Amino acid sequence: MPTQAELYNALRAETVIASCRDLALQLLARTNSRQYLDECLRALQSPAVIAALDESHRPVLRDKCASFYHDSKRDKAGILREGLTRLLVHIEHPDDIDLYQRGVETYYRQPVDDVAQNLRAVALAGMAPIDPALACLYAARFLGEPFTSVFNCEPAMTAIDVLVAANQRLPIYQFLLHGGEGMARTSRGELTGKALESLGEDFPPHLYEQLIEKYQAIDQPTASMGIINWLIDRRAAALYDRLESLIMTSKDVDLRRYGLVMMAAARDDELSERLLRLARLARIDDIQLFIEALAICQHEERDMTLAQLRRRAGRSR
């Protein structure tokens, strides 16, 4: 029988997908070395090897993942369990819901921050197709949770996906009313933006207008992008005045650029006409932004307006 070191070296040198998978699983079953475990997960998580995993490979992955729950001190940050859970989620066996249940309940609080957010997110994704109702309960809990990652906003981003897939948008609205502003103000505006664009086509425009007013006041770019996406994707014409105001009053140049480009890319007559009107009234500082947006606009008056903007830009130099 080869030693762990021999398996490790063979794995690092292997290029055949099936052999790489089998070596990684064989080493994974035998080792407790963090170096070897990391190499196993690196190999197993490559797209080609993941695609070659099936139910016959599940026992090794499940046993190893369960062992870290039994002795969590060997995986304090949950990184190994996260990697193993991702592989189990790919296999999609309903009997692994007990591991997903443990995953969504796992927190590892260092002196200040929790670092098991990705584990909770992956476990939630695995739970959702097996027990959608239970997954939605955890998803509602994760929205606005203080331990939401400032790096990728997990597990709350996955929570929104789970709620949308189940057509359960009330927790998202509740989050926007009471927790979204705090997230946007603490480097997690991406989460608030995703929530703002996830409320669905049948969300009442007058209630959405109240949300626009709330979030326009803080002018957080990634949150405001969610509003722009929702308004344009749903052709919410009744709120186009709000859309213009959100874009043009923002102090963030990149948000103004994004909003104008989205208006142009929508291929919507009313949005194109509004874009042209705004372009003709553009401030000197915004001329280049309008030139970029109009370059992809297909309105019949585009070329004339572009020429006017370029003349203005030339005179301002």
Protein backbone atom coordinates (compact mmCIF):
# COMPACT_ATOMS: atom_id res chain seq x y z
CA MET A 1 0.00 0.00 0.00
CA PRO A 2 1.46 3.40 -0.93
CA THR A 3 2.25 5.81 1.86
CA GLN A 4 0.43 9.12 2.23
CA ALA A 5 3.52 10.90 0.97
CA GLU A 6 3.61 8.70 -2.11
CA LEU A 7 -0.08 9.32 -2.79
CA TYR A 8 0.48 13.04 -2.34
CA ASN A 9 3.35 13.12 -4.82
CA ALA A 10 1.43 10.99 -7.31
CA LEU A 11 -1.58 13.27 -7.03
CA ARG A 12 0.50 16.37 -7.69
CA ALA A 13 1.95 14.78 -10.81
CA GLU A 14 -1.26 13.23 -12.17
CA THR A 15 -3.01 14.78 -15.18
CA VAL A 16 -5.64 12.16 -16.06
CA ILE A 17 -8.96 13.29 -14.56
CA ALA A 18 -10.23 9.95 -13.33
CA SER A 19 -6.87 9.04 -11.82
CA CYS A 20 -6.59 12.44 -10.18
CA ARG A 21 -10.04 11.96 -8.63
CA ASP A 22 -9.26 8.47 -7.37
CA LEU A 23 -5.89 9.42 -5.90
CA ALA A 24 -7.41 12.43 -4.14
CA LEU A 25 -10.20 10.36 -2.63
CA GLN A 26 -7.78 7.63 -1.54
CA LEU A 27 -5.51 10.14 0.17
CA LEU A 28 -8.45 12.03 1.64
CA ALA A 29 -9.74 8.88 3.34
CA ARG A 30 -6.39 8.19 5.01
CA THR A 31 -4.89 11.53 5.95
CA ASN A 32 -5.24 14.09 8.70
CA SER A 33 -2.37 16.23 7.43
CA ARG A 34 -3.55 19.73 6.58
CA GLN A 35 -1.07 19.93 3.71
CA TYR A 36 -2.42 16.73 2.19
CA LEU A 37 -6.05 17.65 2.86
CA ASP A 38 -5.59 20.97 1.09
CA GLU A 39 -4.06 19.22 -1.91
CA CYS A 40 -6.95 16.74 -2.04
CA LEU A 41 -9.51 19.53 -2.06
CA ARG A 42 -7.55 21.49 -4.65
CA ALA A 43 -7.63 18.49 -6.96
CA LEU A 44 -11.25 17.53 -6.30
CA GLN A 45 -12.54 21.08 -6.75
CA SER A 46 -11.16 21.53 -10.25
CA PRO A 47 -14.12 21.76 -12.67
CA ALA A 48 -13.13 18.66 -14.63
CA VAL A 49 -12.79 16.50 -11.51
CA ILE A 50 -16.01 17.82 -9.97
CA ALA A 51 -17.83 16.80 -13.13
CA ALA A 52 -16.41 13.28 -12.69
CA LEU A 53 -17.82 12.85 -9.17
CA ASP A 54 -20.92 10.75 -8.60
CA GLU A 55 -22.75 9.02 -5.78
CA SER A 56 -20.16 6.23 -5.58
CA HIS A 57 -17.61 8.80 -4.37
CA ARG A 58 -19.90 10.22 -1.70
CA PRO A 59 -19.00 7.97 1.28
CA VAL A 60 -15.40 9.20 1.51
CA LEU A 61 -16.44 12.84 1.24
CA ARG A 62 -19.26 12.45 3.73
CA ASP A 63 -17.20 10.54 6.29
CA LYS A 64 -14.40 13.08 6.19
CA CYS A 65 -16.79 16.02 6.46
CA ALA A 66 -18.60 14.38 9.39
CA SER A 67 -15.28 13.77 11.13
CA PHE A 68 -14.58 17.49 11.20
CA TYR A 69 -17.97 18.17 12.74
CA HIS A 70 -17.18 15.51 15.36
CA ASP A 71 -13.84 17.19 16.10
CA SER A 72 -14.25 20.78 14.95
CA LYS A 73 -10.98 21.87 16.54
CA ARG A 74 -9.25 20.35 13.51
CA ASP A 75 -11.17 22.74 11.25
CA LYS A 76 -11.88 25.78 13.39
CA ALA A 77 -12.59 28.18 10.53
CA GLY A 78 -14.73 25.65 8.66
CA ILE A 79 -12.63 25.87 5.50
CA LEU A 80 -12.22 22.11 5.10
CA ARG A 81 -15.90 21.48 5.78
CA GLU A 82 -16.79 24.18 3.27
CA GLY A 83 -14.74 22.50 0.56
CA LEU A 84 -16.12 19.05 1.32
CA THR A 85 -19.67 20.36 1.49
CA ARG A 86 -19.32 21.94 -1.95
CA LEU A 87 -18.44 18.53 -3.35
CA LEU A 88 -21.39 16.88 -1.59
CA VAL A 89 -23.73 19.57 -2.90
CA HIS A 90 -22.58 18.70 -6.41
CA ILE A 91 -23.48 15.03 -5.83
CA GLU A 92 -26.91 16.08 -4.51
CA HIS A 93 -27.78 13.18 -2.20
CA PRO A 94 -30.79 13.89 0.06
CA ASP A 95 -29.30 11.92 2.97
CA ASP A 96 -26.64 14.60 3.42
CA ILE A 97 -29.15 17.07 4.81
CA ASP A 98 -27.91 16.32 8.33
CA LEU A 99 -24.52 17.75 7.34
CA TYR A 100 -26.17 20.78 5.75
CA GLN A 101 -28.14 21.30 8.95
CA ARG A 102 -24.91 21.31 10.94
CA GLY A 103 -23.32 23.61 8.37
CA VAL A 104 -25.94 26.34 8.58
CA GLU A 105 -25.59 26.28 12.37
CA THR A 106 -21.80 26.62 12.34
CA TYR A 107 -20.17 29.84 13.51
CA TYR A 108 -16.56 30.40 14.35
CA ARG A 109 -16.18 33.68 16.13
CA GLN A 110 -12.66 34.94 16.37
CA PRO A 111 -12.09 37.88 18.74
CA VAL A 112 -14.07 40.18 16.42
CA ASP A 113 -15.42 38.50 13.29
CA ASP A 114 -17.00 35.20 12.35
CA VAL A 115 -15.17 33.33 9.57
CA ALA A 116 -17.56 30.47 8.75
CA GLN A 117 -19.87 32.47 6.48
CA ASN A 118 -18.97 30.53 3.34
CA LEU A 119 -19.66 27.22 5.06
CA ARG A 120 -23.14 28.41 6.05
CA ALA A 121 -23.76 29.63 2.50
CA VAL A 122 -22.75 26.33 0.88
CA ALA A 123 -24.74 24.31 3.40
CA LEU A 124 -27.80 26.46 2.73
CA ALA A 125 -27.43 25.88 -1.01
CA GLY A 126 -27.30 22.14 -0.37
CA MET A 127 -30.33 22.21 1.90
CA ALA A 128 -32.56 24.20 -0.45
CA PRO A 129 -33.50 21.49 -2.99
CA ILE A 130 -33.96 18.87 -0.25
CA ASP A 131 -36.06 20.83 2.25
CA PRO A 132 -37.06 24.19 0.69
CA ALA A 133 -39.21 25.26 3.63
CA LEU A 134 -36.42 24.75 6.16
CA ALA A 135 -33.92 26.43 3.85
CA CYS A 136 -36.17 29.48 3.57
CA LEU A 137 -36.30 29.77 7.36
CA TYR A 138 -32.51 29.82 7.56
CA ALA A 139 -32.36 32.19 4.60
CA ALA A 140 -34.65 34.64 6.39
CA ARG A 141 -32.41 34.41 9.44
CA PHE A 142 -29.26 35.08 7.46
CA LEU A 143 -30.61 38.30 5.89
CA GLY A 144 -29.28 41.17 7.96
CA GLU A 145 -27.33 38.88 10.28
CA PRO A 146 -24.47 40.86 11.88
CA PHE A 147 -21.96 38.18 10.91
CA THR A 148 -22.54 38.71 7.18
CA SER A 149 -19.17 38.76 5.43
CA VAL A 150 -17.82 42.14 4.38
CA PHE A 151 -15.89 40.41 1.58
CA ASN A 152 -18.65 38.60 -0.31
CA CYS A 153 -21.80 39.27 1.76
CA GLU A 154 -22.32 35.58 2.44
CA PRO A 155 -24.36 33.75 3.54
CA ALA A 156 -26.93 36.47 2.88
CA MET A 157 -26.32 36.52 -0.89
CA THR A 158 -27.12 32.81 -1.09
CA ALA A 159 -30.10 33.42 1.19
CA ILE A 160 -31.60 35.80 -1.37
CA ASP A 161 -31.13 33.21 -4.12
CA VAL A 162 -32.92 30.61 -1.99
CA LEU A 163 -35.82 32.93 -1.19
CA VAL A 164 -36.24 34.03 -4.81
CA ALA A 165 -36.18 30.43 -6.04
CA ALA A 166 -38.96 29.63 -3.57
CA ASN A 167 -40.86 32.83 -4.49
CA GLN A 168 -40.61 33.97 -0.87
CA ARG A 169 -39.84 37.67 -1.18
CA LEU A 170 -41.41 39.05 2.00
CA PRO A 171 -38.23 38.48 4.07
CA ILE A 172 -36.28 40.38 1.42
CA TYR A 173 -38.65 43.35 1.69
CA GLN A 174 -38.44 43.21 5.49
CA PHE A 175 -34.64 43.22 5.24
CA LEU A 176 -34.71 46.30 3.00
CA LEU A 177 -36.97 48.12 5.43
CA HIS A 178 -34.91 47.43 8.52
CA GLY A 179 -31.48 46.01 7.74
CA GLY A 180 -30.45 46.92 4.23
CA GLU A 181 -29.38 50.46 5.01
CA GLY A 182 -27.02 49.29 7.74
CA MET A 183 -25.48 46.74 5.40
CA ALA A 184 -25.00 49.36 2.70
CA ARG A 185 -23.30 51.70 5.14
CA THR A 186 -20.88 49.00 6.34
CA SER A 187 -19.25 47.90 3.07
CA ARG A 188 -21.99 45.41 2.19
CA GLY A 189 -23.93 47.44 -0.34
CA GLU A 190 -23.71 44.58 -2.84
CA LEU A 191 -26.13 42.64 -0.64
CA THR A 192 -28.57 45.53 -0.43
CA GLY A 193 -28.35 46.03 -4.19
CA LYS A 194 -29.11 42.37 -4.83
CA ALA A 195 -32.10 42.57 -2.50
CA LEU A 196 -33.39 45.68 -4.26
CA GLU A 197 -33.35 43.95 -7.64
CA SER A 198 -34.90 40.73 -6.30
CA LEU A 199 -38.35 41.93 -5.28
CA GLY A 200 -40.12 40.56 -8.33
CA GLU A 201 -42.17 41.96 -11.18
CA ASP A 202 -45.38 42.21 -9.17
CA PHE A 203 -43.93 44.30 -6.34
CA PRO A 204 -46.13 47.43 -5.93
CA PRO A 205 -44.48 50.48 -7.58
CA HIS A 206 -45.61 52.87 -4.83
CA LEU A 207 -43.85 50.72 -2.21
CA TYR A 208 -40.75 50.47 -4.37
CA GLU A 209 -40.74 54.25 -4.70
CA GLN A 210 -40.48 54.47 -0.92
CA LEU A 211 -37.45 52.20 -1.04
CA ILE A 212 -35.87 54.38 -3.73
CA GLU A 213 -36.31 57.44 -1.52
CA LYS A 214 -34.75 55.60 1.43
CA TYR A 215 -31.68 54.38 -0.44
CA GLN A 216 -31.18 57.38 -2.69
CA ALA A 217 -30.63 59.39 0.47
CA ILE A 218 -27.53 57.40 1.38
CA ASP A 219 -26.16 57.34 -2.22
CA GLN A 220 -24.34 54.03 -1.86
CA PRO A 221 -23.37 52.94 -5.39
CA THR A 222 -23.71 49.15 -5.22
CA ALA A 223 -27.07 49.46 -3.49
CA SER A 224 -28.29 51.99 -6.05
CA MET A 225 -27.27 49.69 -8.89
CA GLY A 226 -29.89 47.26 -7.64
CA ILE A 227 -32.56 49.94 -7.99
CA ILE A 228 -31.43 50.80 -11.50
CA ASN A 229 -31.52 47.14 -12.52
CA TRP A 230 -35.00 46.59 -11.07
CA LEU A 231 -36.49 49.69 -12.70
CA ILE A 232 -35.00 49.01 -16.12
CA ASP A 233 -35.48 45.23 -16.19
CA ARG A 234 -39.16 45.64 -15.36
CA ARG A 235 -39.70 48.71 -17.54
CA ALA A 236 -41.21 50.46 -14.52
CA ALA A 237 -42.16 53.56 -16.53
CA ALA A 238 -44.13 55.07 -13.67
CA LEU A 239 -40.84 55.41 -11.77
CA TYR A 240 -38.60 56.66 -14.59
CA ASP A 241 -38.50 60.15 -13.07
CA ARG A 242 -37.09 58.53 -9.95
CA LEU A 243 -34.60 56.65 -12.08
CA GLU A 244 -33.33 59.88 -13.64
CA SER A 245 -33.07 61.54 -10.26
CA LEU A 246 -31.20 58.59 -8.73
CA ILE A 247 -28.63 58.61 -11.53
CA MET A 248 -28.11 62.32 -11.98
CA THR A 249 -28.00 63.34 -8.31
CA SER A 250 -25.49 60.70 -7.30
CA LYS A 251 -22.06 61.97 -6.32
CA ASP A 252 -20.50 58.76 -7.58
CA VAL A 253 -19.22 59.05 -11.17
CA ASP A 254 -19.19 55.29 -11.72
CA LEU A 255 -22.81 55.01 -10.66
CA ARG A 256 -23.81 57.78 -13.06
CA ARG A 257 -21.91 56.03 -15.85
CA TYR A 258 -23.54 52.70 -15.01
CA GLY A 259 -27.04 54.17 -14.92
CA LEU A 260 -26.68 55.99 -18.24
CA VAL A 261 -25.23 52.93 -19.96
CA MET A 262 -28.06 50.78 -18.63
CA MET A 263 -30.60 53.26 -19.98
CA ALA A 264 -28.93 53.10 -23.40
CA ALA A 265 -28.59 49.32 -23.39
CA ALA A 266 -32.25 48.78 -22.52
CA ARG A 267 -33.36 49.37 -26.14
CA ASP A 268 -36.47 51.04 -24.76
CA ASP A 269 -37.89 54.04 -26.65
CA GLU A 270 -38.87 56.04 -23.59
CA LEU A 271 -35.57 55.42 -21.84
CA SER A 272 -33.67 56.35 -25.00
CA GLU A 273 -35.62 59.59 -25.33
CA ARG A 274 -34.98 60.43 -21.69
CA LEU A 275 -31.29 59.70 -22.16
CA LEU A 276 -31.11 62.03 -25.15
CA ARG A 277 -32.90 64.79 -23.27
CA LEU A 278 -30.54 64.44 -20.33
CA ALA A 279 -27.57 64.45 -22.72
CA ARG A 280 -28.58 67.76 -24.23
CA LEU A 281 -28.66 69.26 -20.74
CA ALA A 282 -25.51 67.54 -19.53
CA ARG A 283 -23.09 69.28 -17.22
CA ILE A 284 -19.57 69.67 -18.57
CA ASP A 285 -18.29 67.07 -16.11
CA ASP A 286 -20.81 64.51 -17.38
CA ILE A 287 -20.36 64.96 -21.14
CA GLN A 288 -17.95 62.05 -21.48
CA LEU A 289 -20.33 59.82 -19.54
CA PHE A 290 -23.12 60.61 -22.00
CA ILE A 291 -20.83 60.08 -24.98
CA GLU A 292 -20.02 56.60 -23.68
CA ALA A 293 -23.69 55.78 -23.11
CA LEU A 294 -24.92 57.15 -26.43
CA ALA A 295 -22.34 55.07 -28.28
CA ILE A 296 -24.56 52.02 -27.64
CA CYS A 297 -27.90 53.78 -27.97
CA GLN A 298 -29.93 52.99 -31.11
CA HIS A 299 -32.27 55.99 -31.20
CA GLU A 300 -32.52 57.80 -34.52
CA GLU A 301 -31.38 61.09 -32.95
CA ARG A 302 -28.30 59.57 -31.40
CA ASP A 303 -25.74 60.72 -33.96
CA MET A 304 -26.91 64.32 -33.89
CA THR A 305 -26.80 64.43 -30.10
CA LEU A 306 -23.39 62.78 -30.03
CA ALA A 307 -22.06 65.40 -32.42
CA GLN A 308 -23.39 68.18 -30.19
CA LEU A 309 -21.76 66.63 -27.12
CA ARG A 310 -18.42 66.26 -28.86
CA ARG A 311 -18.47 69.89 -29.95
CA ARG A 312 -19.21 70.95 -26.36
CA ALA A 313 -16.41 68.71 -25.10
CA GLY A 314 -14.01 70.27 -27.62
CA ARG A 315 -14.90 73.82 -26.58
CA SER A 316 -14.41 73.00 -22.88
CA ARG A 317 -10.77 71.94 -23.30
